[in-house]
């Protein structure tokens, strides 16, 4: 169970870093992106219209990561809540 938890935390961190990269590319700092191998996809998705949503999505992922570290949350429900929030922020 500990390994599953660590894997979940790593995936949430990865998701947060993707949205952080969208913000970086949208503001003209693509060289700071972590996912340089996916730069073409980031540039396609990183619009100024999505900037605030991407910033909020990255923060939501960080918040969930911290909550999973601190509290005994049900991972499935926590992830579903994150995806609902991210979807709302990016639409």
C-alpha atoms as a PDB file:
ATOM      1  CA  UNK A   1       0.000   0.000   0.000  1.00  0.00           C
ATOM      2  CA  UNK A   2       2.894   2.375   0.698  1.00  0.00           C
ATOM      3  CA  UNK A   3       4.261   1.885  -2.814  1.00  0.00           C
ATOM      4  CA  UNK A   4       0.840   2.621  -4.325  1.00  0.00           C
ATOM      5  CA  UNK A   5       0.637   5.794  -2.275  1.00  0.00           C
ATOM      6  CA  UNK A   6       4.078   6.925  -3.405  1.00  0.00           C
ATOM      7  CA  UNK A   7       3.185   6.205  -7.015  1.00  0.00           C
ATOM      8  CA  UNK A   8      -0.027   8.212  -6.673  1.00  0.00           C
ATOM      9  CA  UNK A   9       1.846  11.148  -5.151  1.00  0.00           C
ATOM     10  CA  UNK A  10       4.393  11.005  -7.985  1.00  0.00           C
ATOM     11  CA  UNK A  11       1.633  11.048 -10.607  1.00  0.00           C
ATOM     12  CA  UNK A  12      -0.089  14.008  -8.954  1.00  0.00           C
ATOM     13  CA  UNK A  13       3.234  15.830  -8.847  1.00  0.00           C
ATOM     14  CA  UNK A  14       3.717  15.053 -12.543  1.00  0.00           C
ATOM     15  CA  UNK A  15       0.248  16.395 -13.357  1.00  0.00           C
ATOM     16  CA  UNK A  16       0.966  19.574 -11.428  1.00  0.00           C
ATOM     17  CA  UNK A  17       4.253  20.027 -13.263  1.00  0.00           C
ATOM     18  CA  UNK A  18       2.454  19.693 -16.613  1.00  0.00           C
ATOM     19  CA  UNK A  19       0.122  22.561 -15.746  1.00  0.00           C
ATOM     20  CA  UNK A  20       3.058  24.555 -14.401  1.00  0.00           C
ATOM     21  CA  UNK A  21       4.761  24.018 -17.770  1.00  0.00           C
ATOM     22  CA  UNK A  22       1.640  25.284 -19.549  1.00  0.00           C
ATOM     23  CA  UNK A  23       1.906  28.471 -17.513  1.00  0.00           C
ATOM     24  CA  UNK A  24       5.617  28.824 -18.276  1.00  0.00           C
ATOM     25  CA  UNK A  25       5.094  28.369 -22.010  1.00  0.00           C
ATOM     26  CA  UNK A  26       2.076  30.691 -22.074  1.00  0.00           C
ATOM     27  CA  UNK A  27       4.095  33.520 -20.515  1.00  0.00           C
ATOM     28  CA  UNK A  28       7.006  33.027 -22.912  1.00  0.00           C
ATOM     29  CA  UNK A  29       9.419  30.990 -20.783  1.00  0.00           C
ATOM     30  CA  UNK A  30       9.454  27.605 -22.548  1.00  0.00           C
ATOM     31  CA  UNK A  31      13.058  26.931 -21.539  1.00  0.00           C
ATOM     32  CA  UNK A  32      11.914  26.554 -17.924  1.00  0.00           C
ATOM     33  CA  UNK A  33       9.536  23.715 -18.794  1.00  0.00           C
ATOM     34  CA  UNK A  34      10.211  20.299 -17.327  1.00  0.00           C
ATOM     35  CA  UNK A  35       8.555  18.466 -20.224  1.00  0.00           C
ATOM     36  CA  UNK A  36      10.821  19.779 -22.974  1.00  0.00           C
ATOM     37  CA  UNK A  37      10.239  16.579 -24.947  1.00  0.00           C
ATOM     38  CA  UNK A  38       6.569  17.595 -25.203  1.00  0.00           C
ATOM     39  CA  UNK A  39       7.209  21.256 -25.970  1.00  0.00           C
ATOM     40  CA  UNK A  40       5.194  21.186 -29.211  1.00  0.00           C
ATOM     41  CA  UNK A  41       2.104  19.944 -27.320  1.00  0.00           C
ATOM     42  CA  UNK A  42       2.643  22.507 -24.590  1.00  0.00           C
ATOM     43  CA  UNK A  43       2.948  25.326 -27.117  1.00  0.00           C
ATOM     44  CA  UNK A  44      -0.253  24.165 -28.793  1.00  0.00           C
ATOM     45  CA  UNK A  45      -2.193  24.163 -25.501  1.00  0.00           C
ATOM     46  CA  UNK A  46      -0.550  27.098 -23.723  1.00  0.00           C
ATOM     47  CA  UNK A  47      -2.715  30.036 -24.653  1.00  0.00           C
ATOM     48  CA  UNK A  48      -3.175  33.231 -22.689  1.00  0.00           C
ATOM     49  CA  UNK A  49      -6.859  32.327 -22.384  1.00  0.00           C
ATOM     50  CA  UNK A  50      -5.884  29.148 -20.524  1.00  0.00           C
ATOM     51  CA  UNK A  51      -3.193  30.779 -18.399  1.00  0.00           C
ATOM     52  CA  UNK A  52      -5.276  31.381 -15.285  1.00  0.00           C
ATOM     53  CA  UNK A  53      -6.918  27.960 -15.529  1.00  0.00           C
ATOM     54  CA  UNK A  54      -3.547  26.227 -15.899  1.00  0.00           C
ATOM     55  CA  UNK A  55      -2.180  28.148 -12.924  1.00  0.00           C
ATOM     56  CA  UNK A  56      -5.175  27.138 -10.812  1.00  0.00           C
ATOM     57  CA  UNK A  57      -4.933  23.513 -12.001  1.00  0.00           C
ATOM     58  CA  UNK A  58      -1.268  23.373 -10.978  1.00  0.00           C
ATOM     59  CA  UNK A  59      -2.190  24.772  -7.562  1.00  0.00           C
ATOM     60  CA  UNK A  60      -5.043  22.256  -7.208  1.00  0.00           C
ATOM     61  CA  UNK A  61      -2.610  19.397  -7.869  1.00  0.00           C
ATOM     62  CA  UNK A  62      -0.161  20.786  -5.275  1.00  0.00           C
ATOM     63  CA  UNK A  63      -2.997  21.183  -2.782  1.00  0.00           C
ATOM     64  CA  UNK A  64      -4.143  17.602  -3.311  1.00  0.00           C
ATOM     65  CA  UNK A  65      -0.576  16.327  -2.966  1.00  0.00           C
ATOM     66  CA  UNK A  66      -0.222  18.134   0.362  1.00  0.00           C
ATOM     67  CA  UNK A  67      -3.613  16.868   1.549  1.00  0.00           C
ATOM     68  CA  UNK A  68      -2.749  13.277   0.696  1.00  0.00           C
ATOM     69  CA  UNK A  69       0.503  13.674   2.605  1.00  0.00           C
ATOM     70  CA  UNK A  70      -1.223  15.095   5.690  1.00  0.00           C
ATOM     71  CA  UNK A  71      -4.557  13.303   5.810  1.00  0.00           C
ATOM     72  CA  UNK A  72      -5.892   9.820   5.256  1.00  0.00           C
ATOM     73  CA  UNK A  73      -7.976  10.669   2.186  1.00  0.00           C
ATOM     74  CA  UNK A  74      -9.590   8.116  -0.094  1.00  0.00           C
ATOM     75  CA  UNK A  75      -7.328   8.351  -3.170  1.00  0.00           C
ATOM     76  CA  UNK A  76     -10.059   7.571  -5.723  1.00  0.00           C
ATOM     77  CA  UNK A  77     -12.387  10.269  -4.396  1.00  0.00           C
ATOM     78  CA  UNK A  78      -9.543  12.772  -4.058  1.00  0.00           C
ATOM     79  CA  UNK A  79      -8.487  12.219  -7.676  1.00  0.00           C
ATOM     80  CA  UNK A  80     -12.044  12.529  -8.927  1.00  0.00           C
ATOM     81  CA  UNK A  81     -12.392  15.816  -7.061  1.00  0.00           C
ATOM     82  CA  UNK A  82      -9.119  17.037  -8.566  1.00  0.00           C
ATOM     83  CA  UNK A  83     -10.209  16.210 -12.098  1.00  0.00           C
ATOM     84  CA  UNK A  84     -13.560  17.931 -11.606  1.00  0.00           C
ATOM     85  CA  UNK A  85     -11.739  21.035 -10.344  1.00  0.00           C
ATOM     86  CA  UNK A  86      -9.184  20.971 -13.175  1.00  0.00           C
ATOM     87  CA  UNK A  87     -11.921  20.494 -15.754  1.00  0.00           C
ATOM     88  CA  UNK A  88     -13.805  23.458 -14.339  1.00  0.00           C
ATOM     89  CA  UNK A  89     -10.695  25.645 -14.340  1.00  0.00           C
ATOM     90  CA  UNK A  90      -9.787  24.849 -17.934  1.00  0.00           C
ATOM     91  CA  UNK A  91     -13.235  25.152 -19.487  1.00  0.00           C
END
